[in-house]
């Protein structure tokens, strides 16, 4: 009788192992299928994004303006030294103000002071106003 019980428990254990292996194989197959579908979705998305980028590039070539890299001119380093000499400690103090409006007022006052000192010294021309933009011209034709 003991042998019969051992034989039954051995067969039950074998059946459980077989079902576990089958279950693991099924899970592995599902995971593999999901990975393949994910890779396919990524590949389709990549192709779509590449096509969109190509269309944007052709649109920019047709309607866009060339980059104006030479339009941005940095002030001379000598001017940086003068501004630093004039406002170094006051600028640090103004930037340490926590509230936005008082900080903005302090920076504006400091800016006026620096511009006043520089124009009196002859470093900056008074009649030249920085930041004036010329009118933009649209080269893109909407007609097809």
N, C-alpha and C. Protein backbone atom coordinates (compact mmCIF):
# COMPACT_ATOMS: atom_id res chain seq x y z
N UNK A 1 0.82 -1.18 0.00
CA UNK A 1 0.00 0.00 0.00
C UNK A 1 0.86 1.25 0.00
N UNK A 2 1.97 1.21 0.70
CA UNK A 2 2.90 2.33 0.75
C UNK A 2 3.48 2.57 -0.63
N UNK A 3 3.76 1.49 -1.31
CA UNK A 3 4.30 1.63 -2.67
C UNK A 3 3.26 2.25 -3.60
N UNK A 4 2.02 1.89 -3.44
CA UNK A 4 0.96 2.44 -4.27
C UNK A 4 0.81 3.94 -4.02
N UNK A 5 0.89 4.33 -2.76
CA UNK A 5 0.78 5.76 -2.44
C UNK A 5 1.97 6.53 -3.01
N UNK A 6 3.14 5.93 -2.89
CA UNK A 6 4.33 6.59 -3.43
C UNK A 6 4.23 6.69 -4.95
N UNK A 7 3.71 5.65 -5.59
CA UNK A 7 3.55 5.66 -7.02
C UNK A 7 2.53 6.73 -7.45
N UNK A 8 1.44 6.85 -6.72
CA UNK A 8 0.43 7.86 -7.03
C UNK A 8 1.01 9.26 -6.82
N UNK A 9 1.71 9.46 -5.72
CA UNK A 9 2.27 10.79 -5.46
C UNK A 9 3.36 11.13 -6.48
N UNK A 10 4.11 10.10 -6.92
CA UNK A 10 5.12 10.33 -7.94
C UNK A 10 4.47 10.74 -9.26
N UNK A 11 3.39 10.07 -9.63
CA UNK A 11 2.68 10.42 -10.88
C UNK A 11 2.03 11.80 -10.77
N UNK A 12 1.51 12.14 -9.61
CA UNK A 12 0.93 13.48 -9.41
C UNK A 12 2.02 14.53 -9.56
N UNK A 13 3.15 14.26 -8.98
CA UNK A 13 4.26 15.21 -9.09
C UNK A 13 4.73 15.36 -10.53
N UNK A 14 4.78 14.25 -11.27
CA UNK A 14 5.17 14.32 -12.68
C UNK A 14 4.15 15.12 -13.49
N UNK A 15 2.88 14.92 -13.21
CA UNK A 15 1.82 15.65 -13.91
C UNK A 15 1.92 17.15 -13.61
N UNK A 16 2.17 17.48 -12.36
CA UNK A 16 2.33 18.90 -11.98
C UNK A 16 3.52 19.50 -12.70
N UNK A 17 4.63 18.76 -12.76
CA UNK A 17 5.82 19.25 -13.47
C UNK A 17 5.52 19.46 -14.95
N UNK A 18 4.80 18.49 -15.55
CA UNK A 18 4.48 18.59 -16.98
C UNK A 18 3.60 19.81 -17.25
N UNK A 19 2.62 20.05 -16.39
CA UNK A 19 1.74 21.21 -16.56
C UNK A 19 2.51 22.52 -16.35
N UNK A 20 3.43 22.52 -15.40
CA UNK A 20 4.23 23.71 -15.15
C UNK A 20 5.11 24.03 -16.35
N UNK A 21 5.72 22.97 -16.93
CA UNK A 21 6.55 23.18 -18.11
C UNK A 21 5.71 23.69 -19.27
N UNK A 22 4.54 23.11 -19.47
CA UNK A 22 3.65 23.56 -20.54
C UNK A 22 3.22 25.01 -20.29
N UNK A 23 2.90 25.33 -19.05
CA UNK A 23 2.50 26.69 -18.70
C UNK A 23 3.63 27.67 -18.95
N UNK A 24 4.85 27.29 -18.54
CA UNK A 24 6.00 28.17 -18.76
C UNK A 24 6.27 28.37 -20.24
N UNK A 25 6.14 27.31 -21.03
CA UNK A 25 6.33 27.44 -22.47
C UNK A 25 5.28 28.36 -23.07
N UNK A 26 4.05 28.23 -22.60
CA UNK A 26 2.99 29.11 -23.10
C UNK A 26 3.28 30.56 -22.73
N UNK A 27 3.70 30.80 -21.49
CA UNK A 27 4.04 32.16 -21.06
C UNK A 27 5.20 32.70 -21.88
N UNK A 28 6.20 31.84 -22.11
CA UNK A 28 7.35 32.25 -22.90
C UNK A 28 6.93 32.62 -24.32
N UNK A 29 6.01 31.82 -24.87
CA UNK A 29 5.52 32.10 -26.21
C UNK A 29 4.75 33.40 -26.28
N UNK A 30 3.95 33.67 -25.26
CA UNK A 30 3.20 34.93 -25.22
C UNK A 30 4.15 36.11 -25.11
N UNK A 31 5.15 36.00 -24.26
CA UNK A 31 6.13 37.08 -24.09
C UNK A 31 6.86 37.32 -25.40
N UNK A 32 7.26 36.23 -26.08
CA UNK A 32 7.96 36.36 -27.35
C UNK A 32 7.06 37.03 -28.38
N UNK A 33 5.79 36.65 -28.41
CA UNK A 33 4.84 37.27 -29.34
C UNK A 33 4.68 38.75 -29.04
N UNK A 34 4.56 39.10 -27.76
CA UNK A 34 4.42 40.50 -27.38
C UNK A 34 5.66 41.30 -27.75
N UNK A 35 6.84 40.70 -27.58
CA UNK A 35 8.07 41.40 -27.94
C UNK A 35 8.13 41.63 -29.45
N UNK A 36 7.77 40.63 -30.23
CA UNK A 36 7.76 40.79 -31.69
C UNK A 36 6.80 41.90 -32.10
N UNK A 37 5.61 41.90 -31.51
CA UNK A 37 4.62 42.93 -31.86
C UNK A 37 5.12 44.31 -31.44
N UNK A 38 5.78 44.38 -30.30
CA UNK A 38 6.33 45.66 -29.84
C UNK A 38 7.40 46.15 -30.79
N UNK A 39 8.29 45.24 -31.22
CA UNK A 39 9.34 45.63 -32.17
C UNK A 39 8.73 46.08 -33.49
N UNK A 40 7.69 45.39 -33.95
CA UNK A 40 7.02 45.80 -35.19
C UNK A 40 6.40 47.18 -35.04
N UNK A 41 5.76 47.44 -33.90
CA UNK A 41 5.15 48.75 -33.67
C UNK A 41 6.21 49.84 -33.63
N UNK A 42 7.35 49.56 -33.00
CA UNK A 42 8.43 50.54 -32.94
C UNK A 42 8.98 50.80 -34.33
N UNK A 43 9.14 49.75 -35.11
CA UNK A 43 9.66 49.91 -36.46
C UNK A 43 8.70 50.73 -37.33
N UNK A 44 7.41 50.47 -37.22
CA UNK A 44 6.42 51.24 -37.99
C UNK A 44 6.44 52.70 -37.55
N UNK A 45 6.52 52.94 -36.23
CA UNK A 45 6.60 54.31 -35.73
C UNK A 45 7.85 55.02 -36.21
N UNK A 46 8.97 54.31 -36.25
CA UNK A 46 10.23 54.90 -36.70
C UNK A 46 10.13 55.32 -38.17
N UNK A 47 9.55 54.47 -38.98
CA UNK A 47 9.39 54.80 -40.40
C UNK A 47 8.49 56.03 -40.55
N UNK A 48 7.41 56.08 -39.77
CA UNK A 48 6.50 57.22 -39.86
C UNK A 48 7.19 58.52 -39.44
N UNK A 49 7.96 58.47 -38.37
CA UNK A 49 8.67 59.67 -37.91
C UNK A 49 9.71 60.10 -38.93
N UNK A 50 10.41 59.14 -39.52
CA UNK A 50 11.40 59.47 -40.55
C UNK A 50 10.72 60.17 -41.73
N UNK A 51 9.56 59.68 -42.16
CA UNK A 51 8.83 60.30 -43.27
C UNK A 51 8.37 61.71 -42.90
N UNK A 52 7.92 61.90 -41.68
CA UNK A 52 7.50 63.24 -41.24
C UNK A 52 8.69 64.18 -41.26
N UNK A 53 9.85 63.74 -40.78
CA UNK A 53 11.04 64.59 -40.77
C UNK A 53 11.45 64.97 -42.20
N UNK A 54 11.37 64.04 -43.12
CA UNK A 54 11.69 64.35 -44.52
C UNK A 54 10.73 65.38 -45.08
N UNK A 55 9.44 65.26 -44.76
CA UNK A 55 8.45 66.23 -45.24
C UNK A 55 8.71 67.61 -44.64
N UNK A 56 9.09 67.66 -43.37
CA UNK A 56 9.40 68.94 -42.74
C UNK A 56 10.61 69.58 -43.41
N UNK A 57 11.63 68.79 -43.70
CA UNK A 57 12.83 69.32 -44.37
C UNK A 57 12.49 69.88 -45.74
N UNK A 58 11.65 69.18 -46.52
CA UNK A 58 11.27 69.70 -47.85
C UNK A 58 10.44 70.96 -47.71
N UNK A 59 9.58 71.03 -46.69
CA UNK A 59 8.78 72.23 -46.48
C UNK A 59 9.68 73.41 -46.10
N UNK A 60 10.67 73.17 -45.26
CA UNK A 60 11.59 74.24 -44.86
C UNK A 60 12.40 74.71 -46.06
N UNK A 61 12.83 73.78 -46.91
CA UNK A 61 13.59 74.17 -48.10
C UNK A 61 12.73 75.01 -49.04
N UNK A 62 11.45 74.69 -49.10
CA UNK A 62 10.55 75.40 -50.01
C UNK A 62 10.15 76.77 -49.44
N UNK A 63 9.80 76.83 -48.16
CA UNK A 63 9.21 78.03 -47.59
C UNK A 63 10.07 78.74 -46.56
N UNK A 64 11.08 78.10 -46.06
CA UNK A 64 11.83 78.67 -44.95
C UNK A 64 12.92 79.63 -45.39
N UNK A 65 13.48 80.29 -44.41
CA UNK A 65 14.59 81.19 -44.65
C UNK A 65 15.88 80.50 -44.23
N UNK A 66 16.98 80.87 -44.87
CA UNK A 66 18.25 80.29 -44.43
C UNK A 66 18.62 80.84 -43.05
N UNK A 67 19.36 80.07 -42.29
CA UNK A 67 19.78 80.50 -40.96
C UNK A 67 20.73 81.68 -41.10
N UNK A 68 20.55 82.65 -40.23
CA UNK A 68 21.38 83.85 -40.27
C UNK A 68 22.38 83.78 -39.12
N UNK A 69 23.39 82.97 -39.29
CA UNK A 69 24.36 82.77 -38.23
C UNK A 69 25.22 84.01 -38.00
N UNK A 70 25.44 84.79 -39.06
CA UNK A 70 26.28 85.98 -38.91
C UNK A 70 25.49 87.17 -38.37
N UNK A 71 24.18 87.07 -38.19
CA UNK A 71 23.37 88.18 -37.71
C UNK A 71 23.55 88.43 -36.22
N UNK A 72 23.95 87.42 -35.48
CA UNK A 72 24.14 87.57 -34.04
C UNK A 72 25.59 87.96 -33.80
N UNK A 73 25.75 89.15 -33.28
CA UNK A 73 27.11 89.63 -33.00
C UNK A 73 27.23 89.87 -31.51
N UNK A 74 28.20 89.26 -30.93
CA UNK A 74 28.43 89.41 -29.50
C UNK A 74 29.20 90.70 -29.24
N UNK A 75 28.92 91.33 -28.11
CA UNK A 75 29.68 92.54 -27.77
C UNK A 75 31.13 92.17 -27.46
N UNK A 76 32.00 93.13 -27.60
CA UNK A 76 33.41 92.84 -27.32
C UNK A 76 33.63 92.49 -25.85
N UNK A 77 34.66 91.71 -25.60
CA UNK A 77 34.95 91.28 -24.22
C UNK A 77 35.31 92.47 -23.33
N UNK A 78 35.81 93.51 -23.94
CA UNK A 78 36.15 94.73 -23.20
C UNK A 78 34.90 95.32 -22.55
N UNK A 79 33.78 95.27 -23.27
CA UNK A 79 32.52 95.78 -22.73
C UNK A 79 32.05 94.95 -21.54
N UNK A 80 32.25 93.62 -21.62
CA UNK A 80 31.90 92.76 -20.49
C UNK A 80 32.67 93.19 -19.24
N UNK A 81 33.97 93.49 -19.42
CA UNK A 81 34.79 93.90 -18.28
C UNK A 81 34.26 95.19 -17.67
N UNK A 82 33.88 96.16 -18.52
CA UNK A 82 33.37 97.43 -18.01
C UNK A 82 32.06 97.23 -17.25
N UNK A 83 31.17 96.42 -17.79
CA UNK A 83 29.89 96.17 -17.12
C UNK A 83 30.14 95.45 -15.79
N UNK A 84 31.04 94.51 -15.78
CA UNK A 84 31.35 93.79 -14.55
C UNK A 84 31.96 94.73 -13.51
N UNK A 85 32.84 95.62 -13.94
CA UNK A 85 33.44 96.57 -13.00
C UNK A 85 32.39 97.50 -12.42
N UNK A 86 31.42 97.91 -13.22
CA UNK A 86 30.41 98.85 -12.77
C UNK A 86 29.40 98.19 -11.83
N UNK A 87 28.97 96.99 -12.14
CA UNK A 87 27.79 96.46 -11.47
C UNK A 87 27.95 95.11 -10.79
N UNK A 88 29.14 94.64 -10.59
CA UNK A 88 29.32 93.28 -10.10
C UNK A 88 28.62 93.03 -8.77
N UNK A 89 28.87 93.83 -7.75
CA UNK A 89 28.30 93.58 -6.43
C UNK A 89 26.82 93.89 -6.40
N UNK A 90 26.42 94.95 -7.09
CA UNK A 90 25.00 95.31 -7.12
C UNK A 90 24.19 94.24 -7.86
N UNK A 91 24.76 93.66 -8.90
CA UNK A 91 24.07 92.61 -9.64
C UNK A 91 23.87 91.37 -8.76
N UNK A 92 24.88 91.01 -8.01
CA UNK A 92 24.76 89.86 -7.10
C UNK A 92 23.66 90.12 -6.08
N UNK A 93 23.62 91.32 -5.52
CA UNK A 93 22.59 91.66 -4.55
C UNK A 93 21.21 91.64 -5.19
N UNK A 94 21.08 92.18 -6.40
CA UNK A 94 19.78 92.23 -7.07
C UNK A 94 19.28 90.82 -7.40
N UNK A 95 20.18 89.95 -7.78
CA UNK A 95 19.77 88.59 -8.12
C UNK A 95 19.40 87.76 -6.89
N UNK A 96 19.81 88.21 -5.73
CA UNK A 96 19.47 87.48 -4.50
C UNK A 96 18.11 87.86 -3.93
N UNK A 97 17.47 88.85 -4.53
CA UNK A 97 16.12 89.24 -4.07
C UNK A 97 15.15 88.13 -4.46
N UNK A 98 14.39 87.64 -3.50
CA UNK A 98 13.53 86.48 -3.74
C UNK A 98 12.25 86.83 -4.50
N UNK A 99 11.67 87.97 -4.21
CA UNK A 99 10.40 88.32 -4.83
C UNK A 99 10.63 88.86 -6.23
N UNK A 100 9.73 88.48 -7.13
CA UNK A 100 9.93 88.74 -8.55
C UNK A 100 9.89 90.23 -8.90
N UNK A 101 8.89 90.94 -8.43
CA UNK A 101 8.73 92.35 -8.82
C UNK A 101 9.86 93.22 -8.26
N UNK A 102 10.20 93.12 -6.97
CA UNK A 102 11.33 93.91 -6.50
C UNK A 102 12.64 93.56 -7.20
N UNK A 103 12.84 92.26 -7.52
CA UNK A 103 14.05 91.85 -8.22
C UNK A 103 14.10 92.49 -9.61
N UNK A 104 12.96 92.46 -10.30
CA UNK A 104 12.89 93.05 -11.64
C UNK A 104 13.17 94.56 -11.59
N UNK A 105 12.62 95.23 -10.58
CA UNK A 105 12.86 96.68 -10.43
C UNK A 105 14.33 96.96 -10.15
N UNK A 106 14.94 96.16 -9.30
CA UNK A 106 16.36 96.36 -8.97
C UNK A 106 17.23 96.13 -10.21
N UNK A 107 16.91 95.10 -11.00
CA UNK A 107 17.68 94.83 -12.21
C UNK A 107 17.49 95.93 -13.25
N UNK A 108 16.26 96.46 -13.36
CA UNK A 108 16.01 97.56 -14.31
C UNK A 108 16.77 98.81 -13.91
N UNK A 109 16.78 99.12 -12.61
CA UNK A 109 17.52 100.29 -12.13
C UNK A 109 19.01 100.11 -12.37
N UNK A 110 19.51 98.92 -12.12
CA UNK A 110 20.92 98.65 -12.36
C UNK A 110 21.26 98.74 -13.84
N UNK A 111 20.36 98.25 -14.68
CA UNK A 111 20.57 98.33 -16.13
C UNK A 111 20.65 99.79 -16.57
N UNK A 112 19.74 100.62 -16.08
CA UNK A 112 19.76 102.04 -16.42
C UNK A 112 21.06 102.69 -15.96
N UNK A 113 21.50 102.34 -14.77
CA UNK A 113 22.75 102.91 -14.23
C UNK A 113 23.93 102.55 -15.11
N UNK A 114 24.00 101.26 -15.50
CA UNK A 114 25.12 100.80 -16.32
C UNK A 114 25.09 101.48 -17.69
N UNK A 115 23.93 101.57 -18.30
CA UNK A 115 23.82 102.21 -19.62
C UNK A 115 24.17 103.69 -19.52
N UNK A 116 23.73 104.33 -18.45
CA UNK A 116 24.05 105.75 -18.24
C UNK A 116 25.57 105.94 -18.13
N UNK A 117 26.22 105.13 -17.34
CA UNK A 117 27.67 105.25 -17.15
C UNK A 117 28.40 104.95 -18.46
N UNK A 118 27.97 103.91 -19.18
CA UNK A 118 28.64 103.55 -20.43
C UNK A 118 28.44 104.60 -21.52
N UNK A 119 27.26 105.20 -21.59
CA UNK A 119 27.04 106.23 -22.62
C UNK A 119 27.79 107.51 -22.28
N UNK A 120 27.91 107.81 -21.01
CA UNK A 120 28.69 108.99 -20.62
C UNK A 120 30.16 108.78 -20.94
N UNK A 121 30.62 107.56 -20.79
CA UNK A 121 32.02 107.25 -21.07
C UNK A 121 32.29 107.09 -22.55
N UNK A 122 31.26 106.98 -23.36
CA UNK A 122 31.44 106.86 -24.79
C UNK A 122 31.56 105.44 -25.30
N UNK A 123 31.18 104.46 -24.51
CA UNK A 123 31.29 103.07 -24.95
C UNK A 123 30.10 102.63 -25.80
N UNK A 124 28.92 103.25 -25.56
CA UNK A 124 27.70 102.86 -26.27
C UNK A 124 27.11 104.09 -26.93
N UNK A 125 26.65 103.97 -28.17
CA UNK A 125 26.01 105.07 -28.86
C UNK A 125 24.59 105.24 -28.37
N UNK A 126 24.15 106.49 -28.14
CA UNK A 126 22.82 106.73 -27.60
C UNK A 126 21.73 106.56 -28.65
N UNK A 127 22.02 106.87 -29.91
CA UNK A 127 20.97 106.84 -30.94
C UNK A 127 20.66 105.44 -31.42
N UNK A 128 21.43 104.46 -31.01
CA UNK A 128 21.23 103.09 -31.44
C UNK A 128 20.40 102.34 -30.41
N UNK A 129 19.22 101.85 -30.83
CA UNK A 129 18.35 101.13 -29.90
C UNK A 129 18.48 99.65 -30.18
N UNK A 130 18.93 98.87 -29.21
CA UNK A 130 19.08 97.42 -29.44
C UNK A 130 17.72 96.73 -29.49
N UNK A 131 17.66 95.68 -30.27
CA UNK A 131 16.47 94.84 -30.27
C UNK A 131 15.42 95.21 -31.29
N UNK A 132 15.68 96.13 -32.21
CA UNK A 132 14.69 96.46 -33.22
C UNK A 132 14.77 95.41 -34.32
N UNK A 133 13.65 94.81 -34.61
CA UNK A 133 13.61 93.77 -35.63
C UNK A 133 13.01 94.34 -36.90
N UNK A 134 13.60 93.96 -38.03
CA UNK A 134 13.04 94.39 -39.30
C UNK A 134 11.86 93.51 -39.64
N UNK A 135 10.99 93.99 -40.55
CA UNK A 135 9.81 93.23 -40.93
C UNK A 135 10.16 91.89 -41.52
N UNK A 136 9.36 90.90 -41.24
CA UNK A 136 9.60 89.57 -41.75
C UNK A 136 8.89 89.40 -43.08
N UNK A 137 9.54 88.75 -44.02
CA UNK A 137 8.96 88.51 -45.34
C UNK A 137 8.68 87.03 -45.46
N UNK A 138 7.45 86.69 -45.86
CA UNK A 138 7.08 85.29 -45.99
C UNK A 138 7.31 84.87 -47.42
N UNK A 139 8.24 83.93 -47.63
CA UNK A 139 8.58 83.47 -48.97
C UNK A 139 7.72 82.30 -49.44
N UNK A 140 6.85 81.82 -48.60
CA UNK A 140 6.10 80.61 -48.90
C UNK A 140 4.83 80.96 -49.68
N UNK A 141 4.67 80.32 -50.82
CA UNK A 141 3.44 80.52 -51.60
C UNK A 141 2.42 79.50 -51.17
N UNK A 142 1.21 79.97 -50.87
CA UNK A 142 0.17 79.05 -50.47
C UNK A 142 -0.51 78.41 -51.69
N UNK A 143 -0.22 78.92 -52.86
CA UNK A 143 -0.83 78.38 -54.08
C UNK A 143 -0.11 77.11 -54.48
N UNK A 144 -0.87 76.17 -55.03
CA UNK A 144 -0.25 74.92 -55.48
C UNK A 144 -0.36 74.78 -56.95
